[in-house]
Amino acid sequence: QAQEVLAKLKGGAKFEDLAKEFSKDPGSAARGGDLGFFGEGRMVKPFEDAVKALAKPGDISELVESQFGFHIIRLEERQAKTTRTFEEVKPQLMAESRADLLSQKRVQKVQDISKNHDL
């Protein structure tokens, strides 16, 4: 299926439309495949290597295989590396920490319920 999607893309189909229809990642599919900006080390190696190989905005990768499946990547834009202050990243760090904590609590609650009900 990934080969067919790549062929449609090379044939002129819109990346956003194909991502919405075929992507298995519900988050990025809803955004037409847009992952936003991400820094080095944030993606799995095969994906990151493929992004680095794209030369200019609009370039499209061949099929990229990772442990999450197959990917087709279109480079939209490169953003210069920057270092942000703690105050700039604090809200994001707090949100990520809260989300992680809630996830851990949910897992623990399910385990507790399962243990108590012999599921």
PDB file of N, CA and C in Angstrom:
ATOM      1  N   GLN A   1       0.823  -1.197   0.000  1.00  0.00           N
ATOM      2  CA  GLN A   1       0.000   0.000   0.000  1.00  0.00           C
ATOM      3  C   GLN A   1       0.870   1.265   0.000  1.00  0.00           C
ATOM      4  N   ALA A   2       1.970   1.248   0.744  1.00  0.00           N
ATOM      5  CA  ALA A   2       2.854   2.409   0.792  1.00  0.00           C
ATOM      6  C   ALA A   2       3.420   2.716  -0.588  1.00  0.00           C
ATOM      7  N   GLN A   3       3.769   1.671  -1.355  1.00  0.00           N
ATOM      8  CA  GLN A   3       4.276   1.880  -2.722  1.00  0.00           C
ATOM      9  C   GLN A   3       3.215   2.553  -3.585  1.00  0.00           C
ATOM     10  N   GLU A   4       1.964   2.135  -3.417  1.00  0.00           N
ATOM     11  CA  GLU A   4       0.868   2.731  -4.190  1.00  0.00           C
ATOM     12  C   GLU A   4       0.682   4.200  -3.823  1.00  0.00           C
ATOM     13  N   VAL A   5       0.773   4.504  -2.546  1.00  0.00           N
ATOM     14  CA  VAL A   5       0.635   5.892  -2.095  1.00  0.00           C
ATOM     15  C   VAL A   5       1.768   6.737  -2.668  1.00  0.00           C
ATOM     16  N   LEU A   6       2.983   6.220  -2.634  1.00  0.00           N
ATOM     17  CA  LEU A   6       4.128   6.950  -3.191  1.00  0.00           C
ATOM     18  C   LEU A   6       3.933   7.180  -4.696  1.00  0.00           C
ATOM     19  N   ALA A   7       3.427   6.184  -5.385  1.00  0.00           N
ATOM     20  CA  ALA A   7       3.178   6.332  -6.826  1.00  0.00           C
ATOM     21  C   ALA A   7       2.128   7.413  -7.087  1.00  0.00           C
ATOM     22  N   LYS A   8       1.080   7.444  -6.272  1.00  0.00           N
ATOM     23  CA  LYS A   8       0.052   8.483  -6.423  1.00  0.00           C
ATOM     24  C   LYS A   8       0.644   9.863  -6.170  1.00  0.00           C
ATOM     25  N   LEU A   9       1.505   9.945  -5.180  1.00  0.00           N
ATOM     26  CA  LEU A   9       2.144  11.211  -4.855  1.00  0.00           C
ATOM     27  C   LEU A   9       3.023  11.679  -6.012  1.00  0.00           C
ATOM     28  N   LYS A  10       3.805  10.765  -6.557  1.00  0.00           N
ATOM     29  CA  LYS A  10       4.664  11.098  -7.700  1.00  0.00           C
ATOM     30  C   LYS A  10       3.842  11.429  -8.937  1.00  0.00           C
ATOM     31  N   GLY A  11       2.605  10.916  -8.968  1.00  0.00           N
ATOM     32  CA  GLY A  11       1.722  11.198 -10.090  1.00  0.00           C
ATOM     33  C   GLY A  11       0.976  12.516  -9.957  1.00  0.00           C
ATOM     34  N   GLY A  12       1.240  13.237  -8.865  1.00  0.00           N
ATOM     35  CA  GLY A  12       0.635  14.560  -8.727  1.00  0.00           C
ATOM     36  C   GLY A  12      -0.417  14.696  -7.641  1.00  0.00           C
ATOM     37  N   ALA A  13      -0.734  13.606  -6.934  1.00  0.00           N
ATOM     38  CA  ALA A  13      -1.717  13.695  -5.852  1.00  0.00           C
ATOM     39  C   ALA A  13      -1.165  14.580  -4.733  1.00  0.00           C
ATOM     40  N   LYS A  14      -2.061  15.191  -3.994  1.00  0.00           N
ATOM     41  CA  LYS A  14      -1.639  16.084  -2.902  1.00  0.00           C
ATOM     42  C   LYS A  14      -1.214  15.274  -1.682  1.00  0.00           C
ATOM     43  N   PHE A  15      -0.059  15.615  -1.148  1.00  0.00           N
ATOM     44  CA  PHE A  15       0.484  14.939   0.038  1.00  0.00           C
ATOM     45  C   PHE A  15      -0.542  14.953   1.173  1.00  0.00           C
ATOM     46  N   GLU A  16      -1.129  16.121   1.445  1.00  0.00           N
ATOM     47  CA  GLU A  16      -2.073  16.262   2.556  1.00  0.00           C
ATOM     48  C   GLU A  16      -3.254  15.316   2.414  1.00  0.00           C
ATOM     49  N   ASP A  17      -3.792  15.222   1.214  1.00  0.00           N
ATOM     50  CA  ASP A  17      -4.949  14.354   0.975  1.00  0.00           C
ATOM     51  C   ASP A  17      -4.583  12.884   1.181  1.00  0.00           C
ATOM     52  N   LEU A  18      -3.425  12.490   0.677  1.00  0.00           N
ATOM     53  CA  LEU A  18      -2.993  11.099   0.834  1.00  0.00           C
ATOM     54  C   LEU A  18      -2.723  10.772   2.300  1.00  0.00           C
ATOM     55  N   ALA A  19      -2.111  11.706   3.022  1.00  0.00           N
ATOM     56  CA  ALA A  19      -1.837  11.480   4.446  1.00  0.00           C
ATOM     57  C   ALA A  19      -3.142  11.314   5.215  1.00  0.00           C
ATOM     58  N   LYS A  20      -4.122  12.161   4.922  1.00  0.00           N
ATOM     59  CA  LYS A  20      -5.415  12.062   5.613  1.00  0.00           C
ATOM     60  C   LYS A  20      -6.088  10.724   5.335  1.00  0.00           C
ATOM     61  N   GLU A  21      -5.949  10.235   4.123  1.00  0.00           N
ATOM     62  CA  GLU A  21      -6.613   8.992   3.738  1.00  0.00           C
ATOM     63  C   GLU A  21      -5.873   7.733   4.177  1.00  0.00           C
ATOM     64  N   PHE A  22      -4.542   7.750   4.106  1.00  0.00           N
ATOM     65  CA  PHE A  22      -3.797   6.503   4.288  1.00  0.00           C
ATOM     66  C   PHE A  22      -2.935   6.411   5.548  1.00  0.00           C
ATOM     67  N   SER A  23      -2.657   7.522   6.197  1.00  0.00           N
ATOM     68  CA  SER A  23      -1.765   7.470   7.358  1.00  0.00           C
ATOM     69  C   SER A  23      -2.387   6.660   8.488  1.00  0.00           C
ATOM     70  N   LYS A  24      -1.548   5.862   9.138  1.00  0.00           N
ATOM     71  CA  LYS A  24      -1.991   5.065  10.291  1.00  0.00           C
ATOM     72  C   LYS A  24      -1.805   5.831  11.594  1.00  0.00           C
ATOM     73  N   ASP A  25      -1.184   7.013  11.517  1.00  0.00           N
ATOM     74  CA  ASP A  25      -0.982   7.860  12.684  1.00  0.00           C
ATOM     75  C   ASP A  25      -2.128   8.868  12.742  1.00  0.00           C
ATOM     76  N   PRO A  26      -3.086   8.653  13.637  1.00  0.00           N
ATOM     77  CA  PRO A  26      -4.269   9.521  13.641  1.00  0.00           C
ATOM     78  C   PRO A  26      -3.948  10.989  13.893  1.00  0.00           C
ATOM     79  N   GLY A  27      -2.928  11.266  14.694  1.00  0.00           N
ATOM     80  CA  GLY A  27      -2.589  12.656  14.982  1.00  0.00           C
ATOM     81  C   GLY A  27      -2.111  13.402  13.755  1.00  0.00           C
ATOM     82  N   SER A  28      -1.121  12.849  13.078  1.00  0.00           N
ATOM     83  CA  SER A  28      -0.587  13.544  11.906  1.00  0.00           C
ATOM     84  C   SER A  28      -1.531  13.406  10.706  1.00  0.00           C
ATOM     85  N   ALA A  29      -2.276  12.329  10.624  1.00  0.00           N
ATOM     86  CA  ALA A  29      -3.216  12.167   9.511  1.00  0.00           C
ATOM     87  C   ALA A  29      -4.226  13.312   9.505  1.00  0.00           C
ATOM     88  N   ALA A  30      -4.731  13.643  10.675  1.00  0.00           N
ATOM     89  CA  ALA A  30      -5.726  14.714  10.775  1.00  0.00           C
ATOM     90  C   ALA A  30      -5.142  16.058  10.340  1.00  0.00           C
ATOM     91  N   ARG A  31      -3.833  16.204  10.429  1.00  0.00           N
ATOM     92  CA  ARG A  31      -3.160  17.443  10.031  1.00  0.00           C
ATOM     93  C   ARG A  31      -2.534  17.318   8.636  1.00  0.00           C
ATOM     94  N   GLY A  32      -2.984  16.361   7.868  1.00  0.00           N
ATOM     95  CA  GLY A  32      -2.455  16.190   6.519  1.00  0.00           C
ATOM     96  C   GLY A  32      -1.011  15.745   6.492  1.00  0.00           C
ATOM     97  N   GLY A  33      -0.590  15.026   7.533  1.00  0.00           N
ATOM     98  CA  GLY A  33       0.764  14.513   7.602  1.00  0.00           C
ATOM     99  C   GLY A  33       1.751  15.468   8.247  1.00  0.00           C
ATOM    100  N   ASP A  34       1.288  16.622   8.677  1.00  0.00           N
ATOM    101  CA  ASP A  34       2.188  17.629   9.254  1.00  0.00           C
ATOM    102  C   ASP A  34       2.625  17.222  10.657  1.00  0.00           C
ATOM    103  N   LEU A  35       3.935  17.077  10.844  1.00  0.00           N
ATOM    104  CA  LEU A  35       4.500  16.733  12.148  1.00  0.00           C
ATOM    105  C   LEU A  35       5.019  17.959  12.884  1.00  0.00           C
ATOM    106  N   GLY A  36       4.970  19.099  12.229  1.00  0.00           N
ATOM    107  CA  GLY A  36       5.523  20.300  12.830  1.00  0.00           C
ATOM    108  C   GLY A  36       7.042  20.224  12.839  1.00  0.00           C
ATOM    109  N   PHE A  37       7.654  21.171  13.518  1.00  0.00           N
ATOM    110  CA  PHE A  37       9.101  21.168  13.631  1.00  0.00           C
ATOM    111  C   PHE A  37       9.519  20.201  14.718  1.00  0.00           C
ATOM    112  N   PHE A  38      10.639  19.534  14.508  1.00  0.00           N
ATOM    113  CA  PHE A  38      11.191  18.657  15.539  1.00  0.00           C
ATOM    114  C   PHE A  38      12.707  18.730  15.459  1.00  0.00           C
ATOM    115  N   GLY A  39      13.324  18.607  16.608  1.00  0.00           N
ATOM    116  CA  GLY A  39      14.769  18.708  16.690  1.00  0.00           C
ATOM    117  C   GLY A  39      15.449  17.375  16.463  1.00  0.00           C
ATOM    118  N   GLU A  40      16.754  17.463  16.343  1.00  0.00           N
ATOM    119  CA  GLU A  40      17.569  16.274  16.157  1.00  0.00           C
ATOM    120  C   GLU A  40      17.404  15.342  17.352  1.00  0.00           C
ATOM    121  N   GLY A  41      17.282  14.048  17.052  1.00  0.00           N
ATOM    122  CA  GLY A  41      17.144  13.057  18.108  1.00  0.00           C
ATOM    123  C   GLY A  41      15.719  12.828  18.568  1.00  0.00           C
ATOM    124  N   ARG A  42      14.751  13.532  17.981  1.00  0.00           N
ATOM    125  CA  ARG A  42      13.353  13.388  18.398  1.00  0.00           C
ATOM    126  C   ARG A  42      12.620  12.285  17.625  1.00  0.00           C
ATOM    127  N   MET A  43      13.168  11.876  16.498  1.00  0.00           N
ATOM    128  CA  MET A  43      12.546  10.842  15.671  1.00  0.00           C
ATOM    129  C   MET A  43      13.462   9.619  15.631  1.00  0.00           C
ATOM    130  N   VAL A  44      12.879   8.483  15.245  1.00  0.00           N
ATOM    131  CA  VAL A  44      13.687   7.276  15.124  1.00  0.00           C
ATOM    132  C   VAL A  44      14.718   7.475  14.005  1.00  0.00           C
ATOM    133  N   LYS A  45      15.834   6.780  14.109  1.00  0.00           N
ATOM    134  CA  LYS A  45      16.974   7.010  13.219  1.00  0.00           C
ATOM    135  C   LYS A  45      16.643   6.921  11.726  1.00  0.00           C
ATOM    136  N   PRO A  46      15.937   5.883  11.255  1.00  0.00           N
ATOM    137  CA  PRO A  46      15.672   5.844   9.809  1.00  0.00           C
ATOM    138  C   PRO A  46      14.879   7.065   9.325  1.00  0.00           C
ATOM    139  N   PHE A  47      13.941   7.517  10.143  1.00  0.00           N
ATOM    140  CA  PHE A  47      13.129   8.674   9.792  1.00  0.00           C
ATOM    141  C   PHE A  47      14.000   9.928   9.774  1.00  0.00           C
ATOM    142  N   GLU A  48      14.775  10.104  10.830  1.00  0.00           N
ATOM    143  CA  GLU A  48      15.641  11.281  10.930  1.00  0.00           C
ATOM    144  C   GLU A  48      16.664  11.319   9.800  1.00  0.00           C
ATOM    145  N   ASP A  49      17.252  10.179   9.477  1.00  0.00           N
ATOM    146  CA  ASP A  49      18.230  10.123   8.376  1.00  0.00           C
ATOM    147  C   ASP A  49      17.584  10.520   7.054  1.00  0.00           C
ATOM    148  N   ALA A  50      16.359  10.081   6.836  1.00  0.00           N
ATOM    149  CA  ALA A  50      15.659  10.420   5.590  1.00  0.00           C
ATOM    150  C   ALA A  50      15.362  11.913   5.525  1.00  0.00           C
ATOM    151  N   VAL A  51      14.984  12.503   6.651  1.00  0.00           N
ATOM    152  CA  VAL A  51      14.726  13.947   6.671  1.00  0.00           C
ATOM    153  C   VAL A  51      16.007  14.710   6.360  1.00  0.00           C
ATOM    154  N   LYS A  52      17.115  14.290   6.957  1.00  0.00           N
ATOM    155  CA  LYS A  52      18.397  14.967   6.715  1.00  0.00           C
ATOM    156  C   LYS A  52      18.799  14.890   5.243  1.00  0.00           C
ATOM    157  N   ALA A  53      18.403  13.820   4.562  1.00  0.00           N
ATOM    158  CA  ALA A  53      18.774  13.626   3.155  1.00  0.00           C
ATOM    159  C   ALA A  53      17.960  14.508   2.206  1.00  0.00           C
ATOM    160  N   LEU A  54      16.848  15.047   2.669  1.00  0.00           N
ATOM    161  CA  LEU A  54      16.029  15.902   1.813  1.00  0.00           C
ATOM    162  C   LEU A  54      16.705  17.272   1.709  1.00  0.00           C
ATOM    163  N   ALA A  55      16.901  17.740   0.482  1.00  0.00           N
ATOM    164  CA  ALA A  55      17.715  18.934   0.265  1.00  0.00           C
ATOM    165  C   ALA A  55      16.951  20.239   0.421  1.00  0.00           C
ATOM    166  N   LYS A  56      15.723  20.285  -0.089  1.00  0.00           N
ATOM    167  CA  LYS A  56      15.020  21.570  -0.110  1.00  0.00           C
ATOM    168  C   LYS A  56      13.521  21.363   0.119  1.00  0.00           C
ATOM    169  N   PRO A  57      12.843  22.410   0.572  1.00  0.00           N
ATOM    170  CA  PRO A  57      11.396  22.305   0.778  1.00  0.00           C
ATOM    171  C   PRO A  57      10.692  21.786  -0.473  1.00  0.00           C
ATOM    172  N   GLY A  58       9.769  20.880  -0.247  1.00  0.00           N
ATOM    173  CA  GLY A  58       9.036  20.255  -1.347  1.00  0.00           C
ATOM    174  C   GLY A  58       9.595  18.902  -1.728  1.00  0.00           C
ATOM    175  N   ASP A  59      10.846  18.615  -1.344  1.00  0.00           N
ATOM    176  CA  ASP A  59      11.430  17.306  -1.645  1.00  0.00           C
ATOM    177  C   ASP A  59      10.659  16.213  -0.913  1.00  0.00           C
ATOM    178  N   ILE A  60      10.542  15.071  -1.572  1.00  0.00           N
ATOM    179  CA  ILE A  60       9.807  13.925  -1.023  1.00  0.00           C
ATOM    180  C   ILE A  60      10.746  12.726  -0.978  1.00  0.00           C
ATOM    181  N   SER A  61      10.702  12.027   0.133  1.00  0.00           N
ATOM    182  CA  SER A  61      11.552  10.845   0.305  1.00  0.00           C
ATOM    183  C   SER A  61      11.002   9.669  -0.484  1.00  0.00           C
ATOM    184  N   GLU A  62      11.839   8.675  -0.641  1.00  0.00           N
ATOM    185  CA  GLU A  62      11.360   7.362  -1.060  1.00  0.00           C
ATOM    186  C   GLU A  62      10.722   6.741   0.184  1.00  0.00           C
ATOM    187  N   LEU A  63      10.309   5.488   0.111  1.00  0.00           N
ATOM    188  CA  LEU A  63       9.747   4.833   1.292  1.00  0.00           C
ATOM    189  C   LEU A  63      10.818   4.690   2.362  1.00  0.00           C
ATOM    190  N   VAL A  64      10.447   5.001   3.572  1.00  0.00           N
ATOM    191  CA  VAL A  64      11.337   4.893   4.726  1.00  0.00           C
ATOM    192  C   VAL A  64      10.698   3.894   5.678  1.00  0.00           C
ATOM    193  N   GLU A  65      11.446   2.865   6.059  1.00  0.00           N
ATOM    194  CA  GLU A  65      10.912   1.864   6.982  1.00  0.00           C
ATOM    195  C   GLU A  65      11.520   2.063   8.365  1.00  0.00           C
ATOM    196  N   SER A  66      10.644   2.055   9.365  1.00  0.00           N
ATOM    197  CA  SER A  66      11.092   2.112  10.756  1.00  0.00           C
ATOM    198  C   SER A  66      10.299   1.060  11.529  1.00  0.00           C
ATOM    199  N   GLN A  67      10.548   0.976  12.815  1.00  0.00           N
ATOM    200  CA  GLN A  67       9.800   0.013  13.621  1.00  0.00           C
ATOM    201  C   GLN A  67       8.321   0.371  13.701  1.00  0.00           C
ATOM    202  N   PHE A  68       7.948   1.568  13.253  1.00  0.00           N
ATOM    203  CA  PHE A  68       6.548   1.998  13.284  1.00  0.00           C
ATOM    204  C   PHE A  68       5.847   1.769  11.954  1.00  0.00           C
ATOM    205  N   GLY A  69       6.562   1.281  10.960  1.00  0.00           N
ATOM    206  CA  GLY A  69       5.950   1.035   9.659  1.00  0.00           C
ATOM    207  C   GLY A  69       6.687   1.784   8.567  1.00  0.00           C
ATOM    208  N   PHE A  70       5.965   2.085   7.500  1.00  0.00           N
ATOM    209  CA  PHE A  70       6.541   2.787   6.357  1.00  0.00           C
ATOM    210  C   PHE A  70       6.128   4.246   6.394  1.00  0.00           C
ATOM    211  N   HIS A  71       7.038   5.100   5.931  1.00  0.00           N
ATOM    212  CA  HIS A  71       6.800   6.535   5.940  1.00  0.00           C
ATOM    213  C   HIS A  71       7.174   7.120   4.588  1.00  0.00           C
ATOM    214  N   ILE A  72       6.453   8.169   4.224  1.00  0.00           N
ATOM    215  CA  ILE A  72       6.811   9.006   3.088  1.00  0.00           C
ATOM    216  C   ILE A  72       6.912  10.407   3.679  1.00  0.00           C
ATOM    217  N   ILE A  73       8.045  11.038   3.464  1.00  0.00           N
ATOM    218  CA  ILE A  73       8.314  12.310   4.119  1.00  0.00           C
ATOM    219  C   ILE A  73       8.437  13.414   3.085  1.00  0.00           C
ATOM    220  N   ARG A  74       7.748  14.516   3.342  1.00  0.00           N
ATOM    221  CA  ARG A  74       7.914  15.712   2.506  1.00  0.00           C
ATOM    222  C   ARG A  74       8.470  16.809   3.399  1.00  0.00           C
ATOM    223  N   LEU A  75       9.571  17.388   2.961  1.00  0.00           N
ATOM    224  CA  LEU A  75      10.170  18.488   3.702  1.00  0.00           C
ATOM    225  C   LEU A  75       9.414  19.771   3.391  1.00  0.00           C
ATOM    226  N   GLU A  76       8.907  20.405   4.425  1.00  0.00           N
ATOM    227  CA  GLU A  76       8.201  21.669   4.262  1.00  0.00           C
ATOM    228  C   GLU A  76       9.138  22.843   4.444  1.00  0.00           C
ATOM    229  N   GLU A  77       9.946  22.774   5.497  1.00  0.00           N
ATOM    230  CA  GLU A  77      10.783  23.907   5.850  1.00  0.00           C
ATOM    231  C   GLU A  77      11.815  23.439   6.860  1.00  0.00           C
ATOM    232  N   ARG A  78      12.949  24.064   6.847  1.00  0.00           N
ATOM    233  CA  ARG A  78      13.958  23.822   7.887  1.00  0.00           C
ATOM    234  C   ARG A  78      13.995  25.046   8.782  1.00  0.00           C
ATOM    235  N   GLN A  79      14.173  24.786  10.034  1.00  0.00           N
ATOM    236  CA  GLN A  79      14.253  25.866  11.010  1.00  0.00           C
ATOM    237  C   GLN A  79      15.648  25.838  11.628  1.00  0.00           C
ATOM    238  N   ALA A  80      16.272  26.970  11.738  1.00  0.00           N
ATOM    239  CA  ALA A  80      17.605  27.030  12.320  1.00  0.00           C
ATOM    240  C   ALA A  80      17.563  26.541  13.764  1.00  0.00           C
ATOM    241  N   LYS A  81      18.631  25.858  14.162  1.00  0.00           N
ATOM    242  CA  LYS A  81      18.723  25.393  15.545  1.00  0.00           C
ATOM    243  C   LYS A  81      18.806  26.594  16.462  1.00  0.00           C
ATOM    244  N   THR A  82      18.056  26.515  17.535  1.00  0.00           N
ATOM    245  CA  THR A  82      18.094  27.580  18.526  1.00  0.00           C
ATOM    246  C   THR A  82      18.140  26.959  19.912  1.00  0.00           C
ATOM    247  N   THR A  83      18.612  27.718  20.836  1.00  0.00           N
ATOM    248  CA  THR A  83      18.587  27.295  22.226  1.00  0.00           C
ATOM    249  C   THR A  83      17.589  28.193  22.934  1.00  0.00           C
ATOM    250  N   ARG A  84      16.630  27.562  23.569  1.00  0.00           N
ATOM    251  CA  ARG A  84      15.610  28.336  24.274  1.00  0.00           C
ATOM    252  C   ARG A  84      15.915  28.342  25.768  1.00  0.00           C
ATOM    253  N   THR A  85      15.470  29.381  26.415  1.00  0.00           N
ATOM    254  CA  THR A  85      15.665  29.478  27.858  1.00  0.00           C
ATOM    255  C   THR A  85      14.700  28.544  28.573  1.00  0.00           C
ATOM    256  N   PHE A  86      15.007  28.271  29.825  1.00  0.00           N
ATOM    257  CA  PHE A  86      14.117  27.440  30.634  1.00  0.00           C
ATOM    258  C   PHE A  86      12.723  28.055  30.695  1.00  0.00           C
ATOM    259  N   GLU A  87      12.648  29.349  30.854  1.00  0.00           N
ATOM    260  CA  GLU A  87      11.340  30.020  30.939  1.00  0.00           C
ATOM    261  C   GLU A  87      10.536  29.821  29.655  1.00  0.00           C
ATOM    262  N   GLU A  88      11.208  29.747  28.528  1.00  0.00           N
ATOM    263  CA  GLU A  88      10.510  29.533  27.257  1.00  0.00           C
ATOM    264  C   GLU A  88       9.959  28.117  27.147  1.00  0.00           C
ATOM    265  N   VAL A  89      10.677  27.149  27.682  1.00  0.00           N
ATOM    266  CA  VAL A  89      10.248  25.757  27.545  1.00  0.00           C
ATOM    267  C   VAL A  89       9.483  25.242  28.762  1.00  0.00           C
ATOM    268  N   LYS A  90       9.450  26.009  29.827  1.00  0.00           N
ATOM    269  CA  LYS A  90       8.799  25.567  31.061  1.00  0.00           C
ATOM    270  C   LYS A  90       7.348  25.125  30.848  1.00  0.00           C
ATOM    271  N   PRO A  91       6.503  25.889  30.146  1.00  0.00           N
ATOM    272  CA  PRO A  91       5.114  25.428  29.958  1.00  0.00           C
ATOM    273  C   PRO A  91       5.030  24.071  29.252  1.00  0.00           C
ATOM    274  N   GLN A  92       5.860  23.870  28.243  1.00  0.00           N
ATOM    275  CA  GLN A  92       5.858  22.592  27.526  1.00  0.00           C
ATOM    276  C   GLN A  92       6.345  21.466  28.427  1.00  0.00           C
ATOM    277  N   LEU A  93       7.387  21.718  29.178  1.00  0.00           N
ATOM    278  CA  LEU A  93       7.906  20.706  30.101  1.00  0.00           C
ATOM    279  C   LEU A  93       6.865  20.340  31.157  1.00  0.00           C
ATOM    280  N   MET A  94       6.186  21.332  31.674  1.00  0.00           N
ATOM    281  CA  MET A  94       5.139  21.085  32.680  1.00  0.00           C
ATOM    282  C   MET A  94       4.006  20.246  32.084  1.00  0.00           C
ATOM    283  N   ALA A  95       3.581  20.589  30.882  1.00  0.00           N
ATOM    284  CA  ALA A  95       2.497  19.849  30.224  1.00  0.00           C
ATOM    285  C   ALA A  95       2.909  18.405  29.962  1.00  0.00           C
ATOM    286  N   GLU A  96       4.135  18.203  29.480  1.00  0.00           N
ATOM    287  CA  GLU A  96       4.619  16.847  29.219  1.00  0.00           C
ATOM    288  C   GLU A  96       4.728  16.056  30.519  1.00  0.00           C
ATOM    289  N   SER A  97       5.196  16.701  31.578  1.00  0.00           N
ATOM    290  CA  SER A  97       5.314  16.020  32.876  1.00  0.00           C
ATOM    291  C   SER A  97       3.945  15.623  33.408  1.00  0.00           C
ATOM    292  N   ARG A  98       2.976  16.535  33.299  1.00  0.00           N
ATOM    293  CA  ARG A  98       1.608  16.214  33.741  1.00  0.00           C
ATOM    294  C   ARG A  98       1.037  15.042  32.946  1.00  0.00           C
ATOM    295  N   ALA A  99       1.235  15.074  31.640  1.00  0.00           N
ATOM    296  CA  ALA A  99       0.706  14.000  30.789  1.00  0.00           C
ATOM    297  C   ALA A  99       1.349  12.665  31.150  1.00  0.00           C
ATOM    298  N   ASP A 100       2.672  12.660  31.374  1.00  0.00           N
ATOM    299  CA  ASP A 100       3.363  11.432  31.760  1.00  0.00           C
ATOM    300  C   ASP A 100       2.853  10.913  33.098  1.00  0.00           C
ATOM    301  N   LEU A 101       2.678  11.807  34.047  1.00  0.00           N
ATOM    302  CA  LEU A 101       2.196  11.418  35.369  1.00  0.00           C
ATOM    303  C   LEU A 101       0.788  10.835  35.292  1.00  0.00           C
ATOM    304  N   LEU A 102      -0.081  11.480  34.535  1.00  0.00           N
ATOM    305  CA  LEU A 102      -1.444  10.972  34.380  1.00  0.00           C
ATOM    306  C   LEU A 102      -1.442   9.605  33.711  1.00  0.00           C
ATOM    307  N   SER A 103      -0.600   9.427  32.724  1.00  0.00           N
ATOM    308  CA  SER A 103      -0.505   8.140  32.042  1.00  0.00           C
ATOM    309  C   SER A 103      -0.044   7.051  33.009  1.00  0.00           C
ATOM    310  N   GLN A 104       0.961   7.356  33.815  1.00  0.00           N
ATOM    311  CA  GLN A 104       1.455   6.393  34.801  1.00  0.00           C
ATOM    312  C   GLN A 104       0.362   6.044  35.810  1.00  0.00           C
ATOM    313  N   LYS A 105      -0.397   7.054  36.228  1.00  0.00           N
ATOM    314  CA  LYS A 105      -1.482   6.809  37.191  1.00  0.00           C
ATOM    315  C   LYS A 105      -2.575   5.940  36.572  1.00  0.00           C
ATOM    316  N   ARG A 106      -2.883   6.178  35.289  1.00  0.00           N
ATOM    317  CA  ARG A 106      -3.895   5.351  34.619  1.00  0.00           C
ATOM    318  C   ARG A 106      -3.443   3.898  34.544  1.00  0.00           C
ATOM    319  N   VAL A 107      -2.193   3.687  34.177  1.00  0.00           N
ATOM    320  CA  VAL A 107      -1.651   2.328  34.082  1.00  0.00           C
ATOM    321  C   VAL A 107      -1.722   1.652  35.445  1.00  0.00           C
ATOM    322  N   GLN A 108      -1.307   2.360  36.484  1.00  0.00           N
ATOM    323  CA  GLN A 108      -1.339   1.791  37.834  1.00  0.00           C
ATOM    324  C   GLN A 108      -2.762   1.453  38.254  1.00  0.00           C
ATOM    325  N   LYS A 109      -3.714   2.327  37.939  1.00  0.00           N
ATOM    326  CA  LYS A 109      -5.121   2.101  38.299  1.00  0.00           C
ATOM    327  C   LYS A 109      -5.653   0.854  37.589  1.00  0.00           C
ATOM    328  N   VAL A 110      -5.354   0.716  36.310  1.00  0.00           N
ATOM    329  CA  VAL A 110      -5.800  -0.466  35.555  1.00  0.00           C
ATOM    330  C   VAL A 110      -5.176  -1.728  36.137  1.00  0.00           C
ATOM    331  N   GLN A 111      -3.891  -1.658  36.476  1.00  0.00           N
ATOM    332  CA  GLN A 111      -3.232  -2.818  37.076  1.00  0.00           C
ATOM    333  C   GLN A 111      -3.865  -3.171  38.421  1.00  0.00           C
ATOM    334  N   ASP A 112      -4.174  -2.163  39.210  1.00  0.00           N
ATOM    335  CA  ASP A 112      -4.809  -2.398  40.513  1.00  0.00           C
ATOM    336  C   ASP A 112      -6.187  -3.043  40.344  1.00  0.00           C
ATOM    337  N   ILE A 113      -6.960  -2.508  39.405  1.00  0.00           N
ATOM    338  CA  ILE A 113      -8.301  -3.053  39.163  1.00  0.00           C
ATOM    339  C   ILE A 113      -8.205  -4.492  38.660  1.00  0.00           C
ATOM    340  N   SER A 114      -7.262  -4.719  37.729  1.00  0.00           N
ATOM    341  CA  SER A 114      -7.080  -6.067  37.186  1.00  0.00           C
ATOM    342  C   SER A 114      -6.675  -7.051  38.268  1.00  0.00           C
ATOM    343  N   LYS A 115      -5.788  -6.649  39.158  1.00  0.00           N
ATOM    344  CA  LYS A 115      -5.326  -7.495  40.230  1.00  0.00           C
ATOM    345  C   LYS A 115      -6.477  -7.826  41.204  1.00  0.00           C
ATOM    346  N   ASN A 116      -7.284  -6.845  41.493  1.00  0.00           N
ATOM    347  CA  ASN A 116      -8.379  -7.023  42.438  1.00  0.00           C
ATOM    348  C   ASN A 116      -9.553  -7.804  41.869  1.00  0.00           C
ATOM    349  N   HIS A 117      -9.649  -7.869  40.567  1.00  0.00           N
ATOM    350  CA  HIS A 117     -10.768  -8.570  39.940  1.00  0.00           C
ATOM    351  C   HIS A 117     -10.341  -9.808  39.162  1.00  0.00           C
ATOM    352  N   ASP A 118      -9.092 -10.214  39.322  1.00  0.00           N
ATOM    353  CA  ASP A 118      -8.545 -11.409  38.656  1.00  0.00           C
ATOM    354  C   ASP A 118      -8.864 -11.434  37.169  1.00  0.00           C
ATOM    355  N   LEU A 119      -8.590 -10.338  36.487  1.00  0.00           N
ATOM    356  CA  LEU A 119      -8.842 -10.277  35.039  1.00  0.00           C
ATOM    357  C   LEU A 119      -7.692 -10.835  34.260  1.00  0.00           C
TER     358      LEU A 119
END
